[in-house]
Amino acid sequence: MVDASHKSLEAVFFKRECQLFIPSIKDPNRCGSGDILLIHQTRKIPVTKQIQEWIPDKHTLTSPTDAFGVIEFQGGAHPSKAQYIRLSYDTRPETILQLLLKRWMLELPKLVISVHGGKANFELPSRLDGILKKGLLKAAKTTGAWLLTSGTNTGVTRHVGDALSSERSPRLRPGRVVSIGIVPWGIVENRQSLVGKGKDVPYMSIDKPRSHLAALNNRHSYFLIVDDGSVGRYGAEIELRCKLGRIISSQRLPSRTPCNVPMVCLVVEGGIHTIRKVLEYVSEKPPIPVVVVQGSGRAAYLLAFAYRYIDENGDCTLLDSLWEQMTTTIAKTFRVNMEKAKVLYFEILQCIKKKNLITIFQGDEPVETSGENAEELDLAILTALFRSRHLSVPEQLSLALAWNRTDLAR
């Protein structure tokens, strides 16, 4: 007997598969989709010798999704589960929000914290690591926030997962932090094990896959696995994550609060794409505030350094006097040439000129010299929203009460 609820998902969520082998310029035995010639031949996919750009819209076929259900993570000290679905990269964000609220029975969040940073593994100083875990968890638990991450067991998302491990319940039930991993289907290690409709599937979240792929983080509670038909590379998830954030933040907060769901970006470490994401956030209408964790490295370090040398009106005269030092540091940090470093300098400049939208959390400084302490990363996140939105006192009070954070209203 066909499950009607499965059919309802298959009617609106789709997967994508390459329908034409287009040889890559770098490797004629590999398609522009990222998959090898042999795989295409096995699936009897047509082959062309013409060199052209591989485009998901043009060179893939859509069909009903074949991967959704519950992941049962294996091998951890405590069993854990997560709901998941494979979906096309161009799925309407309204449809995804309905999945989250109606099918997965989540309550609309009172805050969205979108975490960005490095994809490769990195270490944090032990004190900063503790502050990040404690503060992020407190911010999410006390406000009823959703955490949006890249979902893999690597880089900044792994640090988020470590924070979640202290509150992780072995069963799917109300009260847990809602952590949503938005990850490309084509980079998921052992993704074929996820193929199945409405089933509980066992999955091992290994630390270091032998392949160049990435395992899912076993501390997340939900996964949107985004498919554009490509294999072995990131990118399919970027626009969908952006659109989903926008649609959530356009929703009115529950109760009588006269505000929409607020959203904040948290930056921990990060590369070139992180800087560009920050620029995108502060340039949006309405803009999204950004909290940068100083001391976490790379992009976060550069943003925090530049922030010191620009005044409240956006005057960057002092920073420009450090032009040579700054571009040299950028080149070394990201291993790029000076031309690329100059472009990145101006992108960083455009970010921090909107100083009211950037908050530097000084988690790497001793308590007595920083304005924050181990309990206050959550305050940095929440007050960044107040500062960026120019809220009236009644609006601030209303938002603080919606979050159940009366300490912010004092």
Protein backbone atom coordinates (compact mmCIF):
# COMPACT_ATOMS: atom_id res chain seq x y z
CA MET A 1 0.00 0.00 0.00
CA VAL A 2 1.39 3.40 -0.99
CA ASP A 3 1.75 5.85 1.91
CA ALA A 4 -0.22 9.01 1.06
CA SER A 5 2.11 11.17 3.13
CA HIS A 6 5.05 9.93 1.07
CA LYS A 7 3.22 10.83 -2.13
CA SER A 8 2.55 14.32 -0.83
CA LEU A 9 6.29 14.85 -0.32
CA GLU A 10 7.18 13.39 -3.71
CA ALA A 11 4.70 15.77 -5.35
CA VAL A 12 6.56 18.90 -4.20
CA PHE A 13 10.16 17.84 -3.50
CA PHE A 14 12.50 16.64 -6.24
CA LYS A 15 15.99 15.32 -6.88
CA ARG A 16 18.23 16.22 -9.81
CA GLU A 17 20.48 13.97 -11.88
CA CYS A 18 22.86 14.82 -14.70
CA GLN A 19 21.45 13.97 -18.15
CA LEU A 20 24.46 14.83 -20.36
CA PHE A 21 28.16 14.11 -19.90
CA ILE A 22 30.05 17.32 -20.68
CA PRO A 23 33.82 16.84 -20.39
CA SER A 24 35.58 19.08 -17.92
CA ILE A 25 38.37 21.30 -19.25
CA LYS A 26 40.69 20.03 -16.51
CA ASP A 27 39.81 16.34 -16.89
CA PRO A 28 38.12 14.95 -20.04
CA ASN A 29 37.12 11.82 -18.09
CA ARG A 30 35.11 13.84 -15.61
CA CYS A 31 31.84 15.63 -16.32
CA GLY A 32 31.20 19.27 -15.51
CA SER A 33 28.80 17.90 -12.89
CA GLY A 34 31.82 16.49 -11.05
CA ASP A 35 31.06 12.81 -11.68
CA ILE A 36 33.29 10.48 -13.71
CA LEU A 37 32.62 9.17 -17.23
CA LEU A 38 32.20 5.57 -16.04
CA ILE A 39 29.27 6.51 -13.79
CA HIS A 40 27.55 8.24 -16.71
CA GLN A 41 28.14 5.25 -18.98
CA THR A 42 26.74 2.88 -16.35
CA ARG A 43 23.56 4.97 -16.21
CA LYS A 44 23.50 5.18 -20.05
CA ILE A 45 23.70 8.97 -20.05
CA PRO A 46 24.52 10.60 -23.42
CA VAL A 47 28.07 11.89 -23.89
CA THR A 48 29.17 14.98 -25.79
CA LYS A 49 32.72 15.97 -26.70
CA GLN A 50 31.79 19.62 -26.93
CA ILE A 51 33.36 21.74 -24.19
CA GLN A 52 30.72 23.95 -22.60
CA GLU A 53 29.62 25.11 -19.18
CA TRP A 54 27.65 22.54 -17.22
CA ILE A 55 24.45 24.21 -15.98
CA PRO A 56 22.07 22.48 -13.52
CA ASP A 57 18.89 23.92 -15.06
CA LYS A 58 19.93 22.84 -18.55
CA HIS A 59 21.81 19.60 -17.99
CA THR A 60 19.85 17.80 -15.26
CA LEU A 61 16.55 15.97 -15.06
CA THR A 62 14.21 16.29 -12.10
CA SER A 63 12.22 13.44 -10.60
CA PRO A 64 10.41 12.94 -7.27
CA THR A 65 12.71 12.85 -4.28
CA ASP A 66 13.77 9.37 -3.21
CA ALA A 67 15.47 10.21 0.09
CA PHE A 68 13.55 11.31 3.19
CA GLY A 69 12.88 9.96 6.65
CA VAL A 70 14.89 9.72 9.86
CA ILE A 71 18.65 9.28 10.17
CA GLU A 72 19.78 7.07 13.04
CA PHE A 73 23.35 8.08 13.79
CA GLN A 74 25.61 5.18 14.73
CA GLY A 75 28.75 4.88 16.79
CA GLY A 76 28.32 7.73 19.26
CA ALA A 77 28.23 7.51 23.04
CA HIS A 78 24.52 8.32 22.88
CA PRO A 79 22.14 7.40 20.05
CA SER A 80 20.74 10.34 18.13
CA LYS A 81 18.27 10.91 15.33
CA ALA A 82 17.58 13.58 12.73
CA GLN A 83 14.86 14.11 10.14
CA TYR A 84 16.04 14.73 6.58
CA ILE A 85 14.97 15.24 3.00
CA ARG A 86 16.73 15.45 -0.37
CA LEU A 87 15.39 18.39 -2.37
CA SER A 88 16.18 20.35 -5.52
CA TYR A 89 18.23 23.52 -5.17
CA ASP A 90 15.42 25.60 -6.70
CA THR A 91 12.71 24.45 -4.27
CA ARG A 92 10.50 27.37 -3.22
CA PRO A 93 11.41 28.54 0.31
CA GLU A 94 7.70 28.76 1.19
CA THR A 95 7.43 25.02 0.47
CA ILE A 96 10.41 24.28 2.72
CA LEU A 97 8.98 26.39 5.54
CA GLN A 98 5.72 24.43 5.32
CA LEU A 99 7.74 21.19 5.56
CA LEU A 100 9.42 22.45 8.73
CA LEU A 101 6.25 23.73 10.37
CA LYS A 102 3.58 21.28 9.18
CA ARG A 103 5.39 18.02 8.41
CA TRP A 104 8.23 18.19 10.94
CA MET A 105 6.00 19.99 13.45
CA LEU A 106 8.45 22.72 14.44
CA GLU A 107 7.30 25.91 16.10
CA LEU A 108 8.14 29.11 14.25
CA PRO A 109 11.40 30.41 15.74
CA LYS A 110 11.68 33.63 17.70
CA LEU A 111 15.19 34.13 16.33
CA VAL A 112 17.36 32.67 13.54
CA ILE A 113 21.12 32.35 14.11
CA SER A 114 22.90 31.60 10.84
CA VAL A 115 26.41 30.34 11.56
CA HIS A 116 29.14 30.88 8.97
CA GLY A 117 32.85 30.08 8.97
CA GLY A 118 35.50 27.74 7.67
CA LYS A 119 34.58 24.42 6.06
CA ALA A 120 37.93 22.80 6.87
CA ASN A 121 38.63 21.68 10.43
CA PHE A 122 40.29 24.22 12.71
CA GLU A 123 41.07 24.47 16.40
CA LEU A 124 39.96 27.24 18.73
CA PRO A 125 41.82 28.36 21.87
CA SER A 126 40.35 26.32 24.72
CA ARG A 127 38.90 29.34 26.54
CA LEU A 128 37.26 30.71 23.40
CA ASP A 129 35.97 27.25 22.53
CA GLY A 130 34.22 27.03 25.89
CA ILE A 131 32.76 30.54 25.56
CA LEU A 132 31.44 29.78 22.06
CA LYS A 133 29.76 26.54 23.08
CA LYS A 134 28.20 27.92 26.25
CA GLY A 135 27.10 31.22 24.73
CA LEU A 136 25.68 29.80 21.50
CA LEU A 137 23.72 27.15 23.35
CA LYS A 138 22.37 29.69 25.84
CA ALA A 139 21.33 32.09 23.08
CA ALA A 140 19.45 29.34 21.25
CA LYS A 141 17.88 27.65 24.29
CA THR A 142 16.61 30.79 26.00
CA THR A 143 15.12 32.44 22.92
CA GLY A 144 13.65 29.52 21.00
CA ALA A 145 16.05 30.12 18.11
CA TRP A 146 16.75 28.02 15.05
CA LEU A 147 20.40 27.45 14.19
CA LEU A 148 21.21 27.27 10.48
CA THR A 149 24.54 25.67 9.52
CA SER A 150 26.21 23.84 6.65
CA GLY A 151 25.41 20.51 8.35
CA THR A 152 28.71 18.68 7.84
CA ASN A 153 30.99 17.20 10.47
CA THR A 154 33.76 19.65 9.59
CA GLY A 155 34.90 23.20 10.31
CA VAL A 156 32.66 25.64 12.12
CA THR A 157 29.67 23.28 11.95
CA ARG A 158 31.58 20.70 13.93
CA HIS A 159 32.10 23.30 16.68
CA VAL A 160 28.36 24.02 16.64
CA GLY A 161 27.72 20.29 16.94
CA ASP A 162 30.04 20.10 19.95
CA ALA A 163 28.01 22.89 21.58
CA LEU A 164 24.79 20.99 20.91
CA SER A 165 26.20 17.77 22.37
CA SER A 166 25.75 19.06 25.91
CA GLU A 167 21.97 19.24 25.47
CA ARG A 168 21.42 16.49 22.94
CA SER A 169 18.55 14.13 23.68
CA PRO A 170 18.56 10.62 22.18
CA ARG A 171 14.98 11.06 20.94
CA LEU A 172 13.23 13.57 18.71
CA ARG A 173 11.13 15.61 21.13
CA PRO A 174 10.20 19.20 21.98
CA GLY A 175 12.71 21.19 23.99
CA ARG A 176 15.83 20.51 21.95
CA VAL A 177 17.59 23.27 20.10
CA VAL A 178 16.40 23.24 16.49
CA SER A 179 19.58 22.87 14.44
CA ILE A 180 19.08 22.69 10.68
CA GLY A 181 21.96 21.58 8.47
CA ILE A 182 21.67 22.79 4.88
CA VAL A 183 24.14 20.70 2.91
CA PRO A 184 24.75 19.79 -0.76
CA TRP A 185 23.68 16.24 -1.64
CA GLY A 186 26.74 15.80 -3.83
CA ILE A 187 29.28 16.22 -1.01
CA VAL A 188 27.64 13.89 1.54
CA GLU A 189 29.75 10.87 2.41
CA ASN A 190 27.84 7.60 1.86
CA ARG A 191 24.80 9.50 0.58
CA GLN A 192 23.37 6.43 -1.15
CA SER A 193 22.61 4.97 2.28
CA LEU A 194 20.11 7.82 2.71
CA VAL A 195 18.03 6.75 -0.29
CA GLY A 196 14.70 5.51 1.01
CA LYS A 197 11.19 6.83 1.53
CA GLY A 198 10.01 7.43 5.07
CA LYS A 199 12.44 4.97 6.61
CA ASP A 200 14.80 5.06 9.57
CA VAL A 201 18.27 4.74 8.03
CA PRO A 202 21.48 4.00 9.95
CA TYR A 203 24.32 6.44 9.26
CA MET A 204 27.88 6.64 10.58
CA SER A 205 29.17 10.20 11.12
CA ILE A 206 32.89 9.56 10.74
CA ASP A 207 35.49 12.18 11.62
CA LYS A 208 37.76 11.80 8.61
CA PRO A 209 36.22 10.19 5.52
CA ARG A 210 38.74 8.60 3.16
CA SER A 211 37.12 10.41 0.27
CA HIS A 212 37.01 14.17 -0.35
CA LEU A 213 33.38 14.12 0.77
CA ALA A 214 32.00 15.11 4.19
CA ALA A 215 29.90 13.24 6.74
CA LEU A 216 26.78 14.73 8.30
CA ASN A 217 27.19 16.08 11.83
CA ASN A 218 25.43 13.78 14.29
CA ARG A 219 24.42 16.57 16.66
CA HIS A 220 22.02 18.24 14.24
CA SER A 221 18.31 17.54 14.43
CA TYR A 222 17.22 18.32 10.83
CA PHE A 223 18.85 18.20 7.40
CA LEU A 224 17.87 19.83 4.13
CA ILE A 225 20.09 18.03 1.62
CA VAL A 226 20.19 20.22 -1.47
CA ASP A 227 20.58 18.63 -4.90
CA ASP A 228 21.59 20.39 -8.14
CA GLY A 229 22.92 17.24 -9.81
CA SER A 230 26.56 18.05 -9.05
CA VAL A 231 28.95 15.79 -7.18
CA GLY A 232 31.89 16.56 -4.92
CA ARG A 233 31.50 20.31 -4.57
CA TYR A 234 29.74 22.94 -2.52
CA GLY A 235 27.48 25.61 -3.95
CA ALA A 236 24.10 23.94 -4.49
CA GLU A 237 22.99 25.00 -1.02
CA ILE A 238 24.01 28.67 -1.03
CA GLU A 239 21.03 30.33 -2.68
CA LEU A 240 18.48 28.03 -1.05
CA ARG A 241 19.88 28.78 2.42
CA CYS A 242 19.74 32.49 1.69
CA LYS A 243 16.13 32.35 0.46
CA LEU A 244 15.04 30.20 3.39
CA GLY A 245 16.54 32.70 5.83
CA ARG A 246 14.65 35.51 4.12
CA ILE A 247 11.29 33.75 4.18
CA ILE A 248 11.64 32.83 7.86
CA SER A 249 12.59 36.39 8.78
CA SER A 250 9.55 37.71 6.92
CA GLN A 251 7.22 35.85 9.30
CA ARG A 252 5.56 37.70 12.16
CA LEU A 253 6.68 36.63 15.62
CA PRO A 254 4.12 34.65 17.64
CA SER A 255 1.86 36.41 20.15
CA ARG A 256 1.30 40.14 19.87
CA THR A 257 4.89 41.15 19.26
CA PRO A 258 4.97 43.83 16.52
CA CYS A 259 8.12 42.39 14.92
CA ASN A 260 9.09 39.78 12.35
CA VAL A 261 11.38 36.89 13.25
CA PRO A 262 14.84 38.50 13.63
CA MET A 263 17.94 36.95 12.09
CA VAL A 264 21.61 37.34 12.98
CA CYS A 265 24.79 35.96 11.37
CA LEU A 266 27.52 34.53 13.60
CA VAL A 267 31.02 34.41 12.08
CA VAL A 268 33.60 31.97 13.46
CA GLU A 269 36.93 31.81 11.57
CA GLY A 270 36.06 31.55 7.87
CA GLY A 271 37.51 32.08 4.41
CA ILE A 272 36.92 34.29 1.39
CA HIS A 273 33.32 33.13 1.00
CA THR A 274 32.61 34.08 4.62
CA ILE A 275 33.68 37.69 3.98
CA ARG A 276 31.44 37.82 0.92
CA LYS A 277 28.57 36.36 2.93
CA VAL A 278 28.99 39.08 5.57
CA LEU A 279 28.92 41.73 2.84
CA GLU A 280 25.75 40.19 1.44
CA TYR A 281 24.07 40.21 4.86
CA VAL A 282 24.86 43.84 5.72
CA SER A 283 23.84 44.94 2.20
CA GLU A 284 20.43 43.23 2.23
CA LYS A 285 17.18 45.15 2.64
CA PRO A 286 16.46 44.94 5.47
CA PRO A 287 20.07 44.26 6.51
CA ILE A 288 21.05 41.40 8.80
CA PRO A 289 23.41 42.11 11.72
CA VAL A 290 26.65 40.16 12.04
CA VAL A 291 28.49 39.08 15.19
CA VAL A 292 32.17 38.30 14.59
CA VAL A 293 33.98 36.08 17.10
CA GLN A 294 37.38 37.72 17.50
CA GLY A 295 40.25 35.31 18.04
CA SER A 296 38.73 32.50 15.97
CA GLY A 297 41.07 33.21 13.03
CA ARG A 298 41.20 34.13 9.32
CA ALA A 299 38.09 36.03 8.14
CA ALA A 300 36.99 36.79 11.70
CA TYR A 301 40.45 38.15 12.53
CA LEU A 302 40.57 40.40 9.46
CA LEU A 303 37.08 41.80 10.06
CA ALA A 304 37.84 42.46 13.74
CA PHE A 305 41.19 44.10 12.91
CA ALA A 306 39.67 46.41 10.30
CA TYR A 307 36.77 47.27 12.60
CA ARG A 308 39.16 48.88 15.10
CA TYR A 309 40.37 51.43 12.57
CA ILE A 310 37.10 52.83 11.32
CA ASP A 311 35.01 55.40 13.19
CA GLU A 312 31.29 55.37 13.92
CA ASN A 313 30.57 57.42 10.78
CA GLY A 314 32.34 54.92 8.53
CA ASP A 315 35.46 57.05 8.02
CA CYS A 316 38.28 54.67 7.04
CA THR A 317 41.17 57.19 6.80
CA LEU A 318 43.12 55.45 9.56
CA LEU A 319 42.56 52.01 8.07
CA ASP A 320 43.67 53.23 4.64
CA SER A 321 46.99 54.24 6.22
CA LEU A 322 47.46 50.53 6.97
CA TRP A 323 46.66 49.53 3.38
CA GLU A 324 49.94 47.77 2.68
CA GLN A 325 49.96 45.87 5.98
CA MET A 326 46.34 44.85 5.53
CA THR A 327 46.61 43.61 1.94
CA THR A 328 49.79 41.67 2.76
CA THR A 329 48.02 40.00 5.69
CA ILE A 330 45.01 39.15 3.50
CA ALA A 331 47.29 37.61 0.85
CA LYS A 332 49.04 35.45 3.46
CA THR A 333 45.85 34.48 5.28
CA PHE A 334 43.99 33.27 2.19
CA ARG A 335 47.03 32.36 0.06
CA VAL A 336 46.01 34.65 -2.79
CA ASN A 337 47.95 37.08 -4.98
CA MET A 338 48.04 40.81 -4.27
CA GLU A 339 45.41 41.64 -6.90
CA LYS A 340 42.96 39.30 -5.21
CA ALA A 341 44.00 40.66 -1.81
CA LYS A 342 43.16 44.21 -2.93
CA VAL A 343 39.67 43.13 -3.98
CA LEU A 344 39.15 41.42 -0.62
CA TYR A 345 40.39 44.53 1.21
CA PHE A 346 37.66 46.62 -0.40
CA GLU A 347 35.06 43.96 0.37
CA ILE A 348 36.11 43.98 4.04
CA LEU A 349 35.94 47.78 3.95
CA GLN A 350 32.38 47.70 2.62
CA CYS A 351 31.42 45.31 5.44
CA ILE A 352 32.76 47.35 8.33
CA LYS A 353 31.63 50.73 6.98
CA LYS A 354 28.21 49.61 8.18
CA LYS A 355 29.49 49.63 11.73
CA ASN A 356 26.08 49.57 13.39
CA LEU A 357 25.52 46.17 11.75
CA ILE A 358 28.81 44.61 12.91
CA THR A 359 29.45 43.49 16.49
CA ILE A 360 32.90 42.23 17.48
CA PHE A 361 32.70 39.72 20.31
CA GLN A 362 36.04 39.86 22.11
CA GLY A 363 36.06 36.29 23.29
CA ASP A 364 39.84 35.97 23.02
CA GLU A 365 40.57 38.63 25.65
CA PRO A 366 40.68 38.10 29.43
CA VAL A 367 37.43 38.80 31.25
CA GLU A 368 38.81 41.90 32.97
CA THR A 369 39.82 43.57 29.66
CA SER A 370 37.02 42.48 27.35
CA GLY A 371 33.56 43.90 27.53
CA GLU A 372 32.17 40.37 27.60
CA ASN A 373 32.64 37.27 29.69
CA ALA A 374 31.97 33.56 29.37
CA GLU A 375 28.26 34.13 29.91
CA GLU A 376 27.83 36.97 27.45
CA LEU A 377 28.19 35.72 23.88
CA ASP A 378 24.42 35.30 23.98
CA LEU A 379 24.08 38.96 25.03
CA ALA A 380 26.35 40.03 22.16
CA ILE A 381 24.12 38.15 19.71
CA LEU A 382 20.85 39.53 21.08
CA THR A 383 21.94 43.13 21.64
CA ALA A 384 23.39 43.18 18.10
CA LEU A 385 19.80 42.85 16.90
CA PHE A 386 18.64 45.76 19.06
CA ARG A 387 21.50 47.93 17.85
CA SER A 388 20.98 47.19 14.16
CA ARG A 389 17.22 47.59 14.06
CA HIS A 390 16.91 51.00 15.74
CA LEU A 391 14.04 49.63 17.80
CA SER A 392 12.03 51.86 20.09
CA VAL A 393 12.05 51.08 23.81
CA PRO A 394 8.58 49.44 23.66
CA GLU A 395 9.69 47.32 20.68
CA GLN A 396 12.86 46.24 22.51
CA LEU A 397 10.81 45.31 25.55
CA SER A 398 8.33 43.38 23.41
CA LEU A 399 11.13 41.44 21.70
CA ALA A 400 12.89 40.71 25.01
CA LEU A 401 9.65 39.34 26.42
CA ALA A 402 9.06 37.21 23.31
CA TRP A 403 12.51 35.72 23.88
CA ASN A 404 11.79 35.32 27.59
CA ARG A 405 14.90 37.42 28.22
CA THR A 406 13.76 40.08 30.68
CA ASP A 407 17.44 40.66 31.54
CA LEU A 408 17.74 42.47 28.19
CA ALA A 409 14.93 44.85 29.10
CA ARG A 410 16.52 46.13 32.29
